[in-house]
Amino acid sequence: MFIATFKDKAFLKRVLIIALPIVIQQLFLTTLGIVDTVMVGNFERGVASVGLASQISTIVGTVIFGITVGIGLYIAQYYGERNYENIRKSMALMIIIVFFIALFFNLLAFFFPTQLLGIFSDDEFVLELGSQYLIIASFSYVPNLLAFCFSIGYRNIQKTKVPLVVSIVTALFNVTLNYVLIHGFWFFPRLEVKGAGVATVISSFISIIFYIVHALITKEAIMPRLKDFKGAIRKMFALPKLKRTLPFLINETFFSVGSSLYIVVFNNVGTDAYEGYRIAETVISVMFIIIIGLGTAVGAMIGESLGKKDYEEAKRYSQNFLVIGIVMALALGLISIVFARPLVSIFQNNSPAVVDNAIKLMYVFAIRVSLRVLVIIMFSIFRAGGLSKFVMFIDSGVMWLIGIPIAFLSYYALGINNIVVLFLLLQIEPVVRLIISFRAYLKNKWAQNVLSN
């Protein structure tokens, strides 16, 4: 099977066409994200403060991801049918839901920043600095998440070059504005950590404007018209999508809340421990970009095959993706170990304790990233087939039944206060998730056309 996969040139070509622009896009964004982290790292507790505030945007983004996955699988299958009217209506439905959820979190973060961040930390200095950043950055939620809707839409109709170009342009704006607003340059004021928030807001508006203008000029299939918004909220059209999307939404909500509980434990271990975790997480995100690109290709290609009811092609694609996943898991894990020290060394401005924690955590992240490759491929296969309830169980369900109890019992009951040991114990969670996923995959219940259900 390994040899057959890498001999299937037509398959590999399609994977590269879809995944490569996403990988380049994410690599670019992640690299600039690291640059941003280095910039705020020049200020006392800058990494911890912005990292803490970013937990809110991470929660919002994760919730929105659940919505875009649920509706996105319909876009992919409608694309298999070449049903462009329903593609536009699906996009309209996604935009409506995302707008109101993003607006809610915008207002929540603006009016109650300290209360929100106080959930994760009791360090008064970090809370004060993080709140200053969050109040400003909250205004990026609506434009940034609407831009994400367009990115998902383009990905599901297999036009991944557009999100690549938009992301590169807006990311360049973001890093430039970060530099001039954080440090003060020319006539720009020195805003320090608050400057990073202002840069985020401006670049997010640039992003959504680019998407809308491009979609209107090219008359793109995913650009909804006014009548599409009216059609999207009709019960006959919206209800099936919402029913299948709801488990994804519940899953991502519980997953994001669960992830935040891990941060609570890490912060209780100490600010040095959390900053070390934050640095390692930022560095390892470079490895995760390939997983994101591969997951996009899995969802788009298998979703299209299921949309045209070519179940044998979908099964063949899934087998090929798993082979690629195994090879990639081994490669990324090895890279994470070999380059742990040199990658973390760019954050030498932090205390020796923080850097030491980050390096050791990188070795644990090598295990995590290897497991994550296979888990993401499995999830993408299940999502393409509409198995939303099952994904909810193996994703957030396993987290709350296994991962979170391990974290809290290890710290509060067993007294383990070494963040490296804690994080290593948490890797039991993805192992369990992977075992359950493989057993379900072999039953082939995921190979279904949701449009005919």
Protein backbone atom coordinates (compact mmCIF):
# COMPACT_ATOMS: atom_id res chain seq x y z
CA MET A 1 0.00 0.00 0.00
CA PHE A 2 2.91 2.38 0.75
CA ILE A 3 4.38 1.94 -2.74
CA ALA A 4 0.99 2.24 -4.46
CA THR A 5 0.28 5.54 -2.70
CA PHE A 6 3.48 7.19 -3.85
CA LYS A 7 3.01 5.82 -7.39
CA ASP A 8 -0.43 7.44 -7.66
CA LYS A 9 0.80 10.59 -9.39
CA ALA A 10 -2.68 11.98 -10.12
CA PHE A 11 -3.59 11.74 -6.43
CA LEU A 12 -0.32 13.28 -5.24
CA LYS A 13 -0.65 16.13 -7.74
CA ARG A 14 -4.13 17.02 -6.44
CA VAL A 15 -2.92 16.85 -2.84
CA LEU A 16 -0.07 19.24 -3.62
CA ILE A 17 -2.32 21.64 -5.55
CA ILE A 18 -4.70 21.88 -2.58
CA ALA A 19 -2.34 21.48 0.37
CA LEU A 20 0.82 23.31 -0.75
CA PRO A 21 -0.72 26.82 -0.85
CA ILE A 22 -2.22 26.19 2.61
CA VAL A 23 1.15 25.00 3.94
CA ILE A 24 2.93 28.04 2.50
CA GLN A 25 0.19 30.30 3.86
CA GLN A 26 0.38 28.84 7.35
CA LEU A 27 4.18 28.75 7.29
CA PHE A 28 4.22 32.43 6.45
CA LEU A 29 1.66 33.31 9.13
CA THR A 30 3.32 31.15 11.75
CA THR A 31 6.77 32.56 11.04
CA LEU A 32 5.43 36.07 11.39
CA GLY A 33 3.61 34.96 14.55
CA ILE A 34 6.95 33.91 15.98
CA VAL A 35 8.37 37.30 15.02
CA ASP A 36 5.46 38.95 16.86
CA THR A 37 6.13 36.82 19.94
CA VAL A 38 9.80 37.78 19.87
CA MET A 39 8.81 41.46 19.64
CA VAL A 40 6.54 41.43 22.69
CA GLY A 41 9.07 39.20 24.44
CA ASN A 42 11.30 42.26 24.74
CA PHE A 43 8.93 43.57 27.42
CA GLU A 44 8.56 42.09 30.89
CA ARG A 45 6.00 39.26 30.82
CA GLY A 46 5.02 40.32 27.29
CA VAL A 47 4.86 36.72 26.04
CA ALA A 48 2.73 35.59 28.98
CA SER A 49 0.38 38.59 28.73
CA VAL A 50 -0.30 38.37 25.01
CA GLY A 51 -0.38 34.58 25.23
CA LEU A 52 -3.01 34.77 27.96
CA ALA A 53 -5.12 37.26 26.01
CA SER A 54 -4.78 35.07 22.93
CA GLN A 55 -6.56 32.29 24.81
CA ILE A 56 -9.81 34.22 24.31
CA SER A 57 -9.31 34.56 20.56
CA THR A 58 -8.32 30.89 20.49
CA ILE A 59 -11.60 29.95 22.18
CA VAL A 60 -13.58 32.12 19.73
CA GLY A 61 -11.66 30.74 16.77
CA THR A 62 -12.15 27.15 17.89
CA VAL A 63 -15.91 27.64 18.28
CA ILE A 64 -16.10 29.25 14.85
CA PHE A 65 -14.02 26.40 13.43
CA GLY A 66 -16.80 24.00 14.48
CA ILE A 67 -19.33 26.01 12.50
CA THR A 68 -17.15 26.31 9.41
CA VAL A 69 -16.36 22.57 9.46
CA GLY A 70 -20.03 21.63 9.70
CA ILE A 71 -21.20 23.92 6.91
CA GLY A 72 -17.95 23.50 4.99
CA LEU A 73 -18.56 19.79 4.47
CA TYR A 74 -21.77 20.74 2.62
CA ILE A 75 -19.84 23.20 0.46
CA ALA A 76 -17.37 20.44 -0.44
CA GLN A 77 -20.13 17.97 -1.32
CA TYR A 78 -22.16 20.60 -3.21
CA TYR A 79 -18.97 21.29 -5.14
CA GLY A 80 -18.89 17.59 -6.04
CA GLU A 81 -22.38 18.08 -7.50
CA ARG A 82 -21.35 21.45 -8.98
CA ASN A 83 -24.41 22.96 -7.27
CA TYR A 84 -23.25 26.58 -7.12
CA GLU A 85 -26.51 28.07 -5.85
CA ASN A 86 -26.40 25.95 -2.71
CA ILE A 87 -22.69 26.68 -2.29
CA ARG A 88 -23.53 30.39 -2.11
CA LYS A 89 -26.41 29.81 0.30
CA SER A 90 -24.19 27.67 2.51
CA MET A 91 -21.62 30.46 2.60
CA ALA A 92 -24.35 32.97 3.47
CA LEU A 93 -25.52 30.79 6.35
CA MET A 94 -21.96 30.45 7.63
CA ILE A 95 -21.38 34.22 7.46
CA ILE A 96 -24.59 35.02 9.37
CA ILE A 97 -23.83 32.62 12.24
CA VAL A 98 -20.15 33.56 12.49
CA PHE A 99 -20.91 37.29 12.52
CA PHE A 100 -23.20 37.14 15.55
CA ILE A 101 -20.97 34.79 17.55
CA ALA A 102 -17.86 36.89 16.83
CA LEU A 103 -19.73 40.07 17.79
CA PHE A 104 -20.82 38.51 21.09
CA PHE A 105 -17.24 37.62 22.01
CA ASN A 106 -16.05 41.05 20.87
CA LEU A 107 -18.37 42.76 23.35
CA LEU A 108 -17.57 40.25 26.11
CA ALA A 109 -13.80 40.73 25.76
CA PHE A 110 -14.14 44.53 25.53
CA PHE A 111 -16.28 45.01 28.64
CA PHE A 112 -14.91 42.20 30.85
CA PRO A 113 -11.23 41.69 29.91
CA THR A 114 -9.79 41.31 33.42
CA GLN A 115 -12.56 38.95 34.52
CA LEU A 116 -12.01 36.73 31.48
CA LEU A 117 -8.24 36.59 31.85
CA GLY A 118 -8.58 36.10 35.61
CA ILE A 119 -9.91 32.62 34.86
CA PHE A 120 -6.46 31.59 33.66
CA SER A 121 -4.05 33.46 35.92
CA ASP A 122 -3.83 35.40 39.19
CA ASP A 123 -0.62 37.24 38.27
CA GLU A 124 -1.75 40.88 38.58
CA PHE A 125 0.95 42.29 36.31
CA VAL A 126 0.18 39.76 33.56
CA LEU A 127 -3.58 40.41 33.95
CA GLU A 128 -3.13 44.17 33.63
CA LEU A 129 -0.91 43.95 30.55
CA GLY A 130 -3.04 41.23 28.97
CA SER A 131 -6.25 43.24 29.52
CA GLN A 132 -4.78 46.26 27.75
CA TYR A 133 -4.02 44.07 24.74
CA LEU A 134 -7.38 42.23 24.83
CA ILE A 135 -9.56 45.37 24.90
CA ILE A 136 -8.01 46.47 21.61
CA ALA A 137 -7.61 43.07 19.94
CA SER A 138 -11.27 42.16 20.58
CA PHE A 139 -12.24 44.43 17.66
CA SER A 140 -10.41 42.06 15.31
CA TYR A 141 -12.78 39.16 16.06
CA VAL A 142 -15.57 40.03 13.60
CA PRO A 143 -13.46 40.92 10.52
CA ASN A 144 -10.90 38.20 11.19
CA LEU A 145 -13.48 35.43 11.58
CA LEU A 146 -15.49 36.57 8.57
CA ALA A 147 -12.24 36.39 6.60
CA PHE A 148 -11.81 32.87 7.95
CA CYS A 149 -15.24 31.99 6.48
CA PHE A 150 -14.02 33.01 3.04
CA SER A 151 -10.79 31.09 3.53
CA ILE A 152 -12.75 27.93 4.37
CA GLY A 153 -15.06 28.50 1.41
CA TYR A 154 -12.16 28.78 -1.02
CA ARG A 155 -10.52 25.69 0.47
CA ASN A 156 -13.65 23.58 0.07
CA ILE A 157 -13.94 24.44 -3.62
CA GLN A 158 -10.23 23.60 -3.89
CA LYS A 159 -9.02 27.14 -4.70
CA THR A 160 -6.37 27.46 -2.02
CA LYS A 161 -4.16 29.99 -3.82
CA VAL A 162 -6.52 32.86 -2.95
CA PRO A 163 -6.26 32.42 0.86
CA LEU A 164 -2.49 32.11 0.38
CA VAL A 165 -2.19 35.48 -1.36
CA VAL A 166 -4.56 37.24 1.05
CA SER A 167 -2.76 35.85 4.08
CA ILE A 168 0.67 36.87 2.82
CA VAL A 169 -0.45 40.43 2.12
CA THR A 170 -2.27 40.90 5.42
CA ALA A 171 0.48 39.19 7.44
CA LEU A 172 3.06 41.57 5.97
CA PHE A 173 0.86 44.47 7.02
CA ASN A 174 0.54 42.93 10.48
CA VAL A 175 4.24 42.40 11.15
CA THR A 176 5.11 45.85 9.79
CA LEU A 177 2.48 47.53 11.94
CA ASN A 178 3.59 45.46 14.91
CA TYR A 179 7.12 46.75 14.56
CA VAL A 180 6.25 50.42 14.17
CA LEU A 181 3.49 50.45 16.82
CA ILE A 182 5.19 48.30 19.47
CA HIS A 183 8.52 50.14 19.37
CA GLY A 184 7.47 53.48 17.89
CA PHE A 185 8.88 54.46 14.51
CA TRP A 186 8.72 57.62 12.41
CA PHE A 187 5.49 59.42 13.42
CA PHE A 188 3.92 56.28 14.96
CA PRO A 189 3.59 56.29 18.78
CA ARG A 190 5.35 53.73 21.00
CA LEU A 191 2.43 51.61 22.25
CA GLU A 192 4.42 48.54 23.36
CA VAL A 193 2.12 45.51 23.95
CA LYS A 194 -1.00 47.55 23.07
CA GLY A 195 0.58 48.20 19.67
CA ALA A 196 0.37 44.48 18.88
CA GLY A 197 -3.39 44.67 19.48
CA VAL A 198 -3.82 47.68 17.18
CA ALA A 199 -1.81 45.93 14.44
CA THR A 200 -4.02 42.85 14.75
CA VAL A 201 -7.21 44.89 14.32
CA ILE A 202 -5.98 46.80 11.27
CA SER A 203 -4.63 43.70 9.50
CA SER A 204 -7.87 41.78 10.13
CA PHE A 205 -9.91 44.48 8.37
CA ILE A 206 -7.46 44.44 5.46
CA SER A 207 -7.95 40.67 5.19
CA ILE A 208 -11.76 40.70 4.91
CA ILE A 209 -11.69 43.63 2.46
CA PHE A 210 -9.30 41.69 0.19
CA TYR A 211 -11.54 38.61 0.23
CA ILE A 212 -14.74 40.51 -0.55
CA VAL A 213 -13.20 42.60 -3.32
CA HIS A 214 -11.61 39.56 -4.96
CA ALA A 215 -14.79 37.48 -4.75
CA LEU A 216 -16.88 40.29 -6.25
CA ILE A 217 -14.46 41.02 -9.10
CA THR A 218 -14.04 37.34 -10.06
CA LYS A 219 -17.73 36.52 -9.42
CA GLU A 220 -16.58 33.62 -7.28
CA ALA A 221 -18.93 30.70 -6.62
CA ILE A 222 -18.68 31.20 -2.86
CA MET A 223 -19.67 34.89 -2.92
CA PRO A 224 -23.29 35.04 -1.74
CA ARG A 225 -25.81 37.48 -3.17
CA LEU A 226 -28.57 39.20 -1.20
CA LYS A 227 -31.10 36.56 -2.23
CA ASP A 228 -28.71 33.85 -1.01
CA PHE A 229 -28.84 35.31 2.51
CA LYS A 230 -32.63 35.16 2.36
CA GLY A 231 -32.55 31.60 1.08
CA ALA A 232 -29.95 30.56 3.65
CA ILE A 233 -32.22 31.25 6.64
CA ARG A 234 -35.16 29.31 5.26
CA LYS A 235 -35.99 26.35 7.47
CA MET A 236 -35.84 23.75 4.68
CA PHE A 237 -32.30 24.77 3.79
CA ALA A 238 -30.80 25.79 7.14
CA LEU A 239 -32.18 23.13 9.49
CA PRO A 240 -30.30 20.09 8.06
CA LYS A 241 -27.04 22.06 8.08
CA LEU A 242 -27.58 23.28 11.63
CA LYS A 243 -28.43 19.80 12.90
CA ARG A 244 -25.22 18.37 11.48
CA THR A 245 -23.18 21.43 12.48
CA LEU A 246 -24.40 21.53 16.09
CA PRO A 247 -22.27 18.57 17.27
CA PHE A 248 -19.21 20.19 15.65
CA LEU A 249 -20.04 23.46 17.43
CA ILE A 250 -20.56 21.71 20.78
CA ASN A 251 -17.34 19.76 20.26
CA GLU A 252 -15.20 22.80 19.49
CA THR A 253 -16.76 24.77 22.37
CA PHE A 254 -16.03 22.05 24.91
CA PHE A 255 -12.60 21.47 23.36
CA SER A 256 -11.67 25.14 23.63
CA VAL A 257 -12.91 25.36 27.22
CA GLY A 258 -10.99 22.17 28.03
CA SER A 259 -7.82 23.56 26.44
CA SER A 260 -8.23 26.65 28.61
CA LEU A 261 -8.41 24.47 31.71
CA TYR A 262 -5.00 23.07 30.78
CA ILE A 263 -3.73 26.65 30.72
CA VAL A 264 -5.14 27.16 34.23
CA VAL A 265 -3.05 24.21 35.46
CA PHE A 266 0.07 25.37 33.58
CA ASN A 267 -0.28 28.87 35.07
CA ASN A 268 -0.65 27.43 38.55
CA VAL A 269 2.67 25.63 38.07
CA GLY A 270 4.17 29.10 37.58
CA THR A 271 4.54 31.95 35.08
CA ASP A 272 7.97 30.64 34.04
CA ALA A 273 6.36 27.28 33.26
CA TYR A 274 3.58 28.87 31.24
CA GLU A 275 5.95 31.12 29.29
CA GLY A 276 8.09 28.07 28.51
CA TYR A 277 4.99 26.25 27.29
CA ARG A 278 3.92 29.26 25.24
CA ILE A 279 7.33 29.50 23.54
CA ALA A 280 7.44 25.76 22.75
CA GLU A 281 3.86 25.90 21.46
CA THR A 282 4.72 28.86 19.22
CA VAL A 283 7.78 27.11 17.79
CA ILE A 284 6.02 23.78 17.27
CA SER A 285 3.18 25.53 15.44
CA VAL A 286 5.55 25.54 12.45
CA MET A 287 5.24 21.75 12.42
CA PHE A 288 1.46 21.89 12.65
CA ILE A 289 1.14 23.88 9.44
CA ILE A 290 1.76 20.79 7.32
CA ILE A 291 -0.96 18.98 9.24
CA ILE A 292 -3.39 21.82 8.51
CA GLY A 293 -2.62 21.70 4.79
CA LEU A 294 -2.98 17.93 4.66
CA GLY A 295 -6.25 18.04 6.63
CA THR A 296 -7.63 20.58 4.14
CA ALA A 297 -6.80 18.29 1.22
CA VAL A 298 -8.40 15.32 3.00
CA GLY A 299 -11.66 17.18 3.60
CA ALA A 300 -11.88 18.75 0.15
CA MET A 301 -10.96 15.66 -1.90
CA ILE A 302 -12.92 13.08 0.08
CA GLY A 303 -15.84 15.48 0.45
CA GLU A 304 -15.97 15.98 -3.33
CA SER A 305 -15.82 12.20 -3.93
CA LEU A 306 -18.65 11.58 -1.48
CA GLY A 307 -20.63 14.44 -3.04
CA LYS A 308 -20.57 12.68 -6.42
CA LYS A 309 -21.17 9.32 -4.65
CA ASP A 310 -17.90 7.78 -5.77
CA TYR A 311 -17.37 5.82 -2.55
CA GLU A 312 -14.54 3.65 -3.86
CA GLU A 313 -12.53 6.72 -4.80
CA ALA A 314 -13.16 8.18 -1.34
CA LYS A 315 -11.92 4.99 0.34
CA ARG A 316 -8.84 4.87 -1.88
CA TYR A 317 -8.08 8.50 -1.09
CA SER A 318 -8.45 7.84 2.65
CA GLN A 319 -5.95 4.97 2.52
CA ASN A 320 -3.48 7.11 0.61
CA PHE A 321 -3.81 9.94 3.11
CA LEU A 322 -3.15 7.60 6.01
CA VAL A 323 0.03 6.34 4.36
CA ILE A 324 1.22 9.91 3.85
CA GLY A 325 0.25 10.65 7.45
CA ILE A 326 2.39 7.86 8.87
CA VAL A 327 5.45 9.04 6.94
CA MET A 328 4.79 12.65 7.93
CA ALA A 329 4.26 11.79 11.60
CA LEU A 330 7.69 10.16 11.82
CA ALA A 331 9.38 13.00 9.95
CA LEU A 332 7.83 15.84 11.98
CA GLY A 333 8.51 14.11 15.29
CA LEU A 334 12.17 13.68 14.39
CA ILE A 335 12.50 17.29 13.21
CA SER A 336 10.95 18.55 16.46
CA ILE A 337 13.56 16.67 18.48
CA VAL A 338 16.61 17.53 16.36
CA PHE A 339 15.83 21.26 16.08
CA ALA A 340 14.38 21.81 19.56
CA ARG A 341 17.34 23.74 20.99
CA PRO A 342 18.18 25.96 17.98
CA LEU A 343 14.53 26.91 17.44
CA VAL A 344 13.97 27.87 21.07
CA SER A 345 17.28 29.77 21.12
CA ILE A 346 15.66 32.74 19.32
CA PHE A 347 13.85 33.47 22.59
CA GLN A 348 17.05 33.88 24.62
CA ASN A 349 15.79 37.25 25.92
CA ASN A 350 13.66 35.26 28.37
CA SER A 351 14.97 33.87 31.66
CA PRO A 352 17.10 30.68 31.60
CA ALA A 353 14.32 28.81 33.46
CA VAL A 354 11.78 29.72 30.76
CA VAL A 355 14.10 28.70 27.92
CA ASP A 356 15.00 25.42 29.66
CA ASN A 357 11.32 24.57 30.10
CA ALA A 358 10.65 25.38 26.45
CA ILE A 359 13.43 23.07 25.19
CA LYS A 360 12.28 20.15 27.32
CA LEU A 361 8.65 20.70 26.28
CA MET A 362 9.74 20.59 22.63
CA TYR A 363 10.72 16.95 23.10
CA VAL A 364 7.23 16.16 24.41
CA PHE A 365 5.70 18.15 21.58
CA ALA A 366 7.55 15.81 19.19
CA ILE A 367 5.31 13.02 20.45
CA ARG A 368 2.23 15.23 20.31
CA VAL A 369 2.79 16.44 16.75
CA SER A 370 3.34 12.87 15.50
CA LEU A 371 0.08 11.69 17.04
CA ARG A 372 -1.74 14.82 15.89
CA VAL A 373 -0.96 14.17 12.22
CA LEU A 374 -2.87 10.88 12.26
CA VAL A 375 -5.68 12.22 14.45
CA ILE A 376 -6.28 15.18 12.11
CA ILE A 377 -6.41 12.91 9.06
CA MET A 378 -8.95 10.69 10.82
CA PHE A 379 -11.05 13.66 11.89
CA SER A 380 -10.97 15.14 8.37
CA ILE A 381 -12.17 11.83 6.92
CA PHE A 382 -15.00 11.55 9.46
CA ARG A 383 -16.01 15.20 9.01
CA ALA A 384 -16.11 14.85 5.22
CA GLY A 385 -18.62 12.04 5.71
CA GLY A 386 -20.69 14.05 8.20
CA LEU A 387 -19.95 11.96 11.33
CA SER A 388 -20.30 15.02 13.53
CA LYS A 389 -21.53 13.27 16.69
CA PHE A 390 -18.75 10.72 16.56
CA VAL A 391 -16.09 13.38 16.09
CA MET A 392 -17.57 15.22 19.07
CA PHE A 393 -17.14 12.12 21.21
CA ILE A 394 -13.57 11.27 20.24
CA ASP A 395 -12.41 14.89 20.31
CA SER A 396 -13.92 16.79 23.25
CA GLY A 397 -15.35 13.65 24.85
CA VAL A 398 -11.95 12.00 25.23
CA MET A 399 -10.48 15.30 26.42
CA TRP A 400 -13.03 15.68 29.24
CA LEU A 401 -13.10 12.00 30.19
CA ILE A 402 -9.35 11.38 30.08
CA GLY A 403 -7.17 14.45 29.44
CA ILE A 404 -8.61 16.95 31.91
CA PRO A 405 -8.88 14.43 34.79
CA ILE A 406 -5.23 13.46 34.18
CA ALA A 407 -4.17 17.14 34.31
CA PHE A 408 -6.06 18.05 37.48
CA LEU A 409 -5.40 14.82 39.36
CA SER A 410 -1.70 14.95 38.49
CA TYR A 411 -1.32 18.52 39.74
CA TYR A 412 -3.82 18.84 42.60
CA ALA A 413 -3.95 15.26 43.91
CA LEU A 414 -0.51 13.86 43.12
CA GLY A 415 1.34 17.15 43.50
CA ILE A 416 3.20 16.94 40.17
CA ASN A 417 4.37 20.51 39.56
CA ASN A 418 6.86 19.87 36.77
CA ILE A 419 5.25 21.14 33.56
CA VAL A 420 7.26 18.76 31.38
CA VAL A 421 6.03 15.70 33.30
CA LEU A 422 2.47 17.05 33.32
CA PHE A 423 2.49 17.64 29.57
CA LEU A 424 3.98 14.19 28.94
CA LEU A 425 1.17 12.54 30.92
CA LEU A 426 -1.36 14.43 28.80
CA GLN A 427 -0.18 12.61 25.68
CA ILE A 428 -2.22 9.62 26.87
CA GLU A 429 -5.22 11.55 25.57
CA PRO A 430 -4.29 11.58 21.83
CA VAL A 431 -3.19 7.92 22.05
CA VAL A 432 -6.69 6.92 23.22
CA ARG A 433 -8.25 9.16 20.58
CA LEU A 434 -6.19 7.51 17.86
CA ILE A 435 -7.07 3.95 18.93
CA ILE A 436 -10.82 4.72 18.88
CA SER A 437 -10.50 6.50 15.51
CA PHE A 438 -8.72 3.61 13.77
CA ARG A 439 -11.33 1.13 14.91
CA ALA A 440 -14.12 3.35 13.58
CA TYR A 441 -12.31 4.04 10.32
CA LEU A 442 -12.08 0.35 9.47
CA LYS A 443 -15.88 0.04 9.66
CA ASN A 444 -16.26 2.50 6.70
CA LYS A 445 -19.42 4.15 8.12
CA TRP A 446 -17.92 7.53 7.27
CA ALA A 447 -18.31 6.91 3.50
CA GLN A 448 -21.70 8.61 3.02
CA ASN A 449 -23.30 11.40 1.01
CA VAL A 450 -24.85 13.90 3.45
CA LEU A 451 -26.83 15.62 0.68
CA SER A 452 -29.04 12.56 0.22
CA ASN A 453 -29.62 12.01 3.97
